[in-house]
Amino acid sequence: MKAVIKPCWVVLTLAFASASALADERPVAEEEFRILSWNISNDAFENEPEEFLSLLRWADPDIVLLDEVTPRADIGKLTMALAALQPGDDASWSVNVGVSGGRQRDVIATRLPQDTLPEFSTIVPYPEADRHYILEHMSDWQRKNPHLSMDFGIPVNAAIIFTGGKRLLTVITDLQCCGDDAESWQEYRRRVEAREIRRLIEQVLERTVVDGLVIAGDFNLVTGSAPAVILKEPYGICDEGLSAAELNHPESDVDWTWDGRGMPFPSGRLDFQFYCPQSLEMRSGLILDTENLDAEALEKYGLDNGTSGRTGRHRPLVAEYDWK
């Protein structure tokens, strides 16, 4: 039976053995699951649908986390791609579109059951004192730039996903970009965003049972690691703190996720998956980049060396986890 998409609207890792074998190593039980996270700032599922679907087939994920999805994006194109991913599979996908973040929405799609969370199902505001500080340190043109507006809240979304008989708290975000030094308002804003996201995560943990935690997205660590440190510090369910999934390009030790060639910001590792190692083991993972992919993998998944360049500056991350 063909897969049925059931949209759930909210208002509206170690390298794999080989790149070509990625989608062949499917989990034998729900204890293992794959997470694909991707800053998809050019809405590739709408603008480059064939390339997007090919990358999905390469990753073969159970959970898809997309950040920087524009409000004008046709989410129907995403659900079509998910349905086409495994047309013979009778498992349905649910698609949870966040409302906070204005022009940078966060989407959680999964073939596993998921529950939305009231803490993240509305606009997540900036605290008034911090908002005032940020505005005070912006230039006049920055205050008037709608792309820098704080009116629509912090770009973040979260859900509890049920897998292997356990409850995984899954968070996707896109922190403020840019800034030339650690004293910039952009870095200050990133830290505020990280602090508020952490506060809501702790609020969820106080009121409900959760077995594991994954926080993914574009953290824009261009002037230091402080925002990531805020989010990785110990939680009640993870008193040793979160670990970063260590991922590389295929058959390589290259780990940049942002392609900065020809841009003001150089290529670097801006996108991450942070996970709780006390409850989860990262079994394998990869940064999906087609530029130097071998011919066998390119042919197998209907890709070419330029696919990644056409689908955006950020590269997708895929990691496979196992419950301990």
Protein backbone atom coordinates (compact mmCIF):
# COMPACT_ATOMS: atom_id res chain seq x y z
CA MET A 1 0.00 0.00 0.00
CA LYS A 2 1.31 3.43 -0.88
CA ALA A 3 2.55 5.57 2.00
CA VAL A 4 -0.03 8.01 3.33
CA ILE A 5 1.12 11.40 4.55
CA LYS A 6 -0.63 12.67 7.66
CA PRO A 7 0.44 16.29 8.14
CA CYS A 8 0.50 17.48 11.75
CA TRP A 9 0.26 21.26 11.41
CA VAL A 10 1.32 23.52 14.24
CA VAL A 11 -0.77 26.53 13.20
CA LEU A 12 -0.51 26.96 9.86
CA THR A 13 27.53 10.58 13.77
CA LEU A 14 31.54 7.67 13.02
CA ALA A 15 31.55 7.31 9.25
CA PHE A 16 29.43 4.76 7.42
CA ALA A 17 31.33 1.86 5.93
CA SER A 18 30.85 3.42 2.49
CA ALA A 19 28.72 6.13 0.98
CA SER A 20 27.11 3.71 -1.46
CA ALA A 21 26.03 1.35 1.33
CA LEU A 22 24.25 4.00 3.40
CA ALA A 23 20.65 3.22 2.53
CA ASP A 24 21.21 -0.55 2.55
CA GLU A 25 21.94 -0.70 6.28
CA ARG A 26 18.39 -0.30 7.55
CA PRO A 27 17.63 -0.75 11.25
CA VAL A 28 16.21 -4.16 12.08
CA ALA A 29 14.12 -2.72 14.90
CA GLU A 30 12.88 0.61 16.20
CA GLU A 31 15.71 0.69 18.73
CA GLU A 32 17.83 2.08 15.89
CA PHE A 33 16.80 5.16 13.96
CA ARG A 34 18.32 7.68 11.56
CA ILE A 35 18.04 11.44 11.88
CA LEU A 36 18.60 13.75 8.90
CA SER A 37 19.05 17.42 9.85
CA TRP A 38 19.49 20.17 7.27
CA ASN A 39 19.48 23.95 6.99
CA ILE A 40 17.45 24.01 3.80
CA SER A 41 17.45 27.77 3.32
CA ASN A 42 16.56 27.62 -0.37
CA ASP A 43 13.61 25.22 0.21
CA ALA A 44 15.17 22.51 -1.95
CA PHE A 45 12.11 20.24 -1.60
CA GLU A 46 10.24 22.88 -3.62
CA ASN A 47 12.95 24.38 -5.83
CA GLU A 48 15.06 21.27 -6.50
CA PRO A 49 12.59 18.40 -5.88
CA GLU A 50 14.45 15.69 -7.81
CA GLU A 51 17.77 16.43 -6.12
CA PHE A 52 16.06 16.67 -2.73
CA LEU A 53 14.43 13.26 -3.19
CA SER A 54 17.72 11.72 -4.32
CA LEU A 55 19.47 12.99 -1.19
CA LEU A 56 16.63 11.64 0.94
CA ARG A 57 17.03 8.23 -0.69
CA TRP A 58 20.75 8.31 0.01
CA ALA A 59 20.14 9.11 3.70
CA ASP A 60 17.03 6.90 4.11
CA PRO A 61 16.04 8.67 7.38
CA ASP A 62 13.37 7.89 9.95
CA ILE A 63 13.33 11.50 11.19
CA VAL A 64 13.83 14.60 9.00
CA LEU A 65 14.64 17.91 10.74
CA LEU A 66 14.67 20.99 8.51
CA ASP A 67 15.59 24.49 9.63
CA GLU A 68 15.30 27.84 7.84
CA VAL A 69 12.16 26.82 5.93
CA THR A 70 10.47 29.93 4.57
CA PRO A 71 6.79 30.63 5.35
CA ARG A 72 6.02 30.78 1.62
CA ALA A 73 7.37 27.25 1.04
CA ASP A 74 4.90 24.69 -0.31
CA ILE A 75 4.95 22.02 2.40
CA GLY A 76 2.92 19.84 0.08
CA LYS A 77 6.09 19.36 -1.97
CA LEU A 78 7.82 18.03 1.13
CA THR A 79 5.03 15.56 1.85
CA MET A 80 5.15 14.41 -1.79
CA ALA A 81 8.88 13.73 -1.49
CA LEU A 82 8.38 11.78 1.73
CA ALA A 83 5.62 9.71 0.13
CA ALA A 84 7.89 8.93 -2.83
CA LEU A 85 10.79 7.95 -0.58
CA GLN A 86 9.52 4.40 -0.15
CA PRO A 87 6.33 4.08 -2.21
CA GLY A 88 5.87 0.42 -1.26
CA ASP A 89 6.00 1.18 2.46
CA ASP A 90 2.67 1.48 4.29
CA ALA A 91 4.17 3.60 7.07
CA SER A 92 2.79 7.15 7.16
CA TRP A 93 4.81 10.31 7.80
CA SER A 94 3.69 13.14 10.05
CA VAL A 95 4.88 16.67 9.29
CA ASN A 96 5.05 19.20 12.12
CA VAL A 97 5.63 22.78 10.93
CA GLY A 98 6.80 25.21 13.61
CA VAL A 99 5.29 28.67 13.94
CA SER A 100 8.14 30.50 15.67
CA GLY A 101 10.94 32.16 13.75
CA GLY A 102 9.15 34.19 11.09
CA ARG A 103 11.07 33.68 7.85
CA GLN A 104 13.01 30.76 9.39
CA ARG A 105 10.57 28.00 10.33
CA ASP A 106 11.61 24.60 11.67
CA VAL A 107 10.01 21.37 10.46
CA ILE A 108 9.94 17.92 12.08
CA ALA A 109 8.88 15.07 9.79
CA THR A 110 8.97 11.44 10.84
CA ARG A 111 7.72 7.99 9.91
CA LEU A 112 7.54 7.30 13.66
CA PRO A 113 4.75 8.54 15.97
CA GLN A 114 5.30 12.04 17.34
CA ASP A 115 3.61 14.35 19.83
CA THR A 116 3.78 18.12 19.54
CA LEU A 117 4.71 20.16 22.62
CA PRO A 118 2.81 23.25 23.86
CA GLU A 119 6.09 24.91 24.87
CA PHE A 120 7.19 24.94 21.23
CA SER A 121 3.82 25.14 19.46
CA THR A 122 3.60 28.91 19.58
CA ILE A 123 5.88 31.88 19.02
CA VAL A 124 8.86 31.68 21.40
CA PRO A 125 9.49 35.34 22.33
CA TYR A 126 12.73 37.09 23.15
CA PRO A 127 12.80 38.31 26.77
CA GLU A 128 12.01 42.02 26.79
CA ALA A 129 15.26 43.11 28.43
CA ASP A 130 17.35 41.15 25.92
CA ARG A 131 15.25 42.39 23.02
CA HIS A 132 15.87 45.99 24.16
CA TYR A 133 19.64 45.36 24.42
CA ILE A 134 19.82 43.85 20.92
CA LEU A 135 17.83 46.68 19.34
CA GLU A 136 19.99 49.23 21.11
CA HIS A 137 23.14 47.73 19.59
CA MET A 138 21.81 47.40 16.04
CA SER A 139 22.41 50.05 13.42
CA ASP A 140 19.43 52.00 12.05
CA TRP A 141 19.26 49.92 8.88
CA GLN A 142 19.49 46.68 10.87
CA ARG A 143 16.55 47.71 13.07
CA LYS A 144 14.51 48.35 9.92
CA ASN A 145 15.57 45.13 8.16
CA PRO A 146 12.62 42.68 8.33
CA HIS A 147 15.06 39.72 8.06
CA LEU A 148 16.49 40.71 11.45
CA SER A 149 13.14 41.26 13.17
CA MET A 150 12.52 39.60 16.53
CA ASP A 151 8.75 40.08 16.27
CA PHE A 152 8.10 36.50 15.16
CA GLY A 153 10.11 34.77 17.84
CA ILE A 154 13.08 32.43 18.04
CA PRO A 155 13.42 29.88 15.21
CA VAL A 156 12.81 26.58 17.03
CA ASN A 157 10.50 23.59 17.05
CA ALA A 158 10.40 20.40 19.11
CA ALA A 159 8.45 17.19 19.53
CA ILE A 160 8.54 13.89 21.39
CA ILE A 161 9.13 11.02 18.97
CA PHE A 162 8.30 7.45 19.98
CA THR A 163 10.84 4.84 18.93
CA GLY A 164 11.91 1.52 20.40
CA GLY A 165 9.31 1.86 23.16
CA LYS A 166 11.02 5.06 24.34
CA ARG A 167 10.39 8.80 24.16
CA LEU A 168 12.93 10.95 22.31
CA LEU A 169 12.76 14.72 22.83
CA THR A 170 13.82 16.12 19.45
CA VAL A 171 14.64 19.82 18.95
CA ILE A 172 15.50 21.67 15.73
CA THR A 173 16.67 25.30 15.63
CA ASP A 174 18.45 27.93 13.55
CA LEU A 175 20.35 30.46 15.67
CA GLN A 176 21.13 34.02 14.60
CA CYS A 177 23.81 34.23 11.91
CA CYS A 178 26.84 36.45 11.39
CA GLY A 179 28.60 38.93 13.69
CA ASP A 180 32.25 39.95 13.57
CA ASP A 181 33.30 39.28 17.17
CA ALA A 182 32.22 37.85 20.52
CA GLU A 183 30.90 41.26 21.60
CA SER A 184 28.57 41.68 18.61
CA TRP A 185 24.82 41.88 19.04
CA GLN A 186 24.53 38.80 16.80
CA GLU A 187 26.54 36.70 19.25
CA TYR A 188 24.53 38.12 22.14
CA ARG A 189 21.32 37.18 20.30
CA ARG A 190 22.58 33.64 19.66
CA ARG A 191 23.23 33.19 23.38
CA VAL A 192 19.78 34.53 24.26
CA GLU A 193 18.20 32.12 21.77
CA ALA A 194 20.18 29.17 23.17
CA ARG A 195 19.27 30.12 26.74
CA GLU A 196 15.55 30.38 25.96
CA ILE A 197 15.53 27.08 24.06
CA ARG A 198 17.27 25.41 26.99
CA ARG A 199 14.73 26.91 29.41
CA LEU A 200 11.85 25.40 27.41
CA ILE A 201 13.59 22.03 27.15
CA GLU A 202 13.98 21.96 30.92
CA GLN A 203 10.32 22.93 31.26
CA VAL A 204 9.34 19.92 29.15
CA LEU A 205 11.62 17.64 31.19
CA GLU A 206 10.04 18.82 34.43
CA ARG A 207 6.50 17.92 33.39
CA THR A 208 6.87 14.72 31.37
CA VAL A 209 8.99 11.58 31.08
CA VAL A 210 11.64 11.59 28.36
CA ASP A 211 14.26 8.89 27.70
CA GLY A 212 16.62 10.76 25.39
CA LEU A 213 17.40 14.13 23.84
CA VAL A 214 18.68 15.30 20.45
CA ILE A 215 19.16 18.98 19.57
CA ALA A 216 19.99 19.69 15.91
CA GLY A 217 20.24 22.61 13.56
CA ASP A 218 22.38 25.48 12.35
CA PHE A 219 24.11 26.98 15.39
CA ASN A 220 26.12 29.60 13.45
CA LEU A 221 29.16 29.32 15.73
CA VAL A 222 31.13 31.98 13.88
CA THR A 223 32.43 33.89 16.94
CA GLY A 224 32.79 31.15 19.55
CA SER A 225 31.12 28.08 20.99
CA ALA A 226 29.16 29.70 23.85
CA PRO A 227 25.67 29.12 22.33
CA ALA A 228 26.43 25.42 21.86
CA VAL A 229 27.85 25.14 25.38
CA ILE A 230 24.62 26.57 26.79
CA LEU A 231 22.61 23.86 25.04
CA LYS A 232 25.06 20.99 25.70
CA GLU A 233 25.45 21.44 29.46
CA PRO A 234 23.96 18.66 31.67
CA TYR A 235 20.21 18.10 31.91
CA GLY A 236 18.30 16.04 34.45
CA ILE A 237 18.14 13.08 32.05
CA CYS A 238 21.71 13.60 30.87
CA ASP A 239 23.92 14.66 33.76
CA GLU A 240 27.10 14.31 31.71
CA GLY A 241 25.88 16.77 29.09
CA LEU A 242 25.34 16.34 25.35
CA SER A 243 27.89 15.18 22.78
CA ALA A 244 28.27 16.37 19.20
CA ALA A 245 27.82 13.73 16.52
CA GLU A 246 31.24 13.54 14.83
CA LEU A 247 30.52 13.48 11.10
CA ASN A 248 32.61 13.84 7.93
CA HIS A 249 32.14 14.05 4.18
CA PRO A 250 32.14 10.66 2.37
CA GLU A 251 35.47 8.81 2.58
CA SER A 252 37.11 11.95 3.98
CA ASP A 253 38.14 13.76 7.16
CA VAL A 254 36.51 17.01 5.92
CA ASP A 255 33.81 18.17 8.36
CA TRP A 256 32.54 21.54 7.10
CA THR A 257 28.76 21.80 6.78
CA TRP A 258 28.61 25.34 5.35
CA ASP A 259 30.10 25.89 1.89
CA GLY A 260 31.59 29.37 2.14
CA ARG A 261 33.53 29.36 -1.10
CA GLY A 262 33.05 32.75 -2.73
CA MET A 263 31.20 34.04 0.35
CA PRO A 264 32.26 36.43 3.18
CA PHE A 265 32.17 33.60 5.75
CA PRO A 266 34.59 30.74 4.99
CA SER A 267 33.54 27.11 4.89
CA GLY A 268 33.08 25.76 8.39
CA ARG A 269 31.23 23.47 10.76
CA LEU A 270 28.06 25.41 11.58
CA ASP A 271 25.47 22.59 11.67
CA PHE A 272 25.39 19.96 14.40
CA GLN A 273 23.47 17.15 16.02
CA PHE A 274 23.91 17.10 19.80
CA TYR A 275 22.74 13.95 21.62
CA CYS A 276 22.72 12.46 25.11
CA PRO A 277 25.39 9.70 25.19
CA GLN A 278 23.99 8.23 28.41
CA SER A 279 20.86 7.03 26.63
CA LEU A 280 21.90 7.03 22.97
CA GLU A 281 24.83 5.55 21.08
CA MET A 282 25.72 7.05 17.72
CA ARG A 283 26.44 4.06 15.53
CA SER A 284 27.33 5.77 12.25
CA GLY A 285 26.88 8.99 10.32
CA LEU A 286 27.81 11.16 7.38
CA ILE A 287 27.74 14.71 6.03
CA LEU A 288 25.91 14.32 2.72
CA ASP A 289 28.06 15.96 0.05
CA THR A 290 28.12 14.80 -3.55
CA GLU A 291 31.08 16.82 -4.85
CA ASN A 292 33.62 13.99 -4.54
CA LEU A 293 31.21 11.08 -4.29
CA ASP A 294 32.24 7.95 -6.15
CA ALA A 295 30.55 6.99 -9.40
CA GLU A 296 28.87 3.91 -7.91
CA ALA A 297 27.04 5.94 -5.25
CA LEU A 298 26.13 8.69 -7.71
CA GLU A 299 24.51 6.20 -10.06
CA LYS A 300 22.82 4.23 -7.29
CA TYR A 301 20.94 7.21 -5.87
CA GLY A 302 20.42 9.25 -9.03
CA LEU A 303 22.88 11.95 -7.97
CA ASP A 304 25.65 13.87 -9.69
CA ASN A 305 28.66 15.73 -8.33
CA GLY A 306 26.81 19.06 -8.51
CA THR A 307 23.68 18.00 -6.60
CA SER A 308 24.82 19.41 -3.26
CA GLY A 309 25.78 22.75 -4.82
CA ARG A 310 22.30 23.11 -6.34
CA THR A 311 20.42 22.29 -3.14
CA GLY A 312 22.04 24.97 -1.00
CA ARG A 313 25.14 26.16 0.83
CA HIS A 314 24.52 23.94 3.86
CA ARG A 315 25.08 20.19 3.70
CA PRO A 316 22.66 17.73 5.33
CA LEU A 317 23.79 15.68 8.33
CA VAL A 318 22.61 12.10 8.85
CA ALA A 319 23.32 10.04 11.97
CA GLU A 320 22.10 6.64 13.10
CA TYR A 321 21.43 6.18 16.82
CA ASP A 322 20.72 3.19 19.01
CA TRP A 323 19.08 3.20 22.46
CA LYS A 324 21.45 2.00 25.16
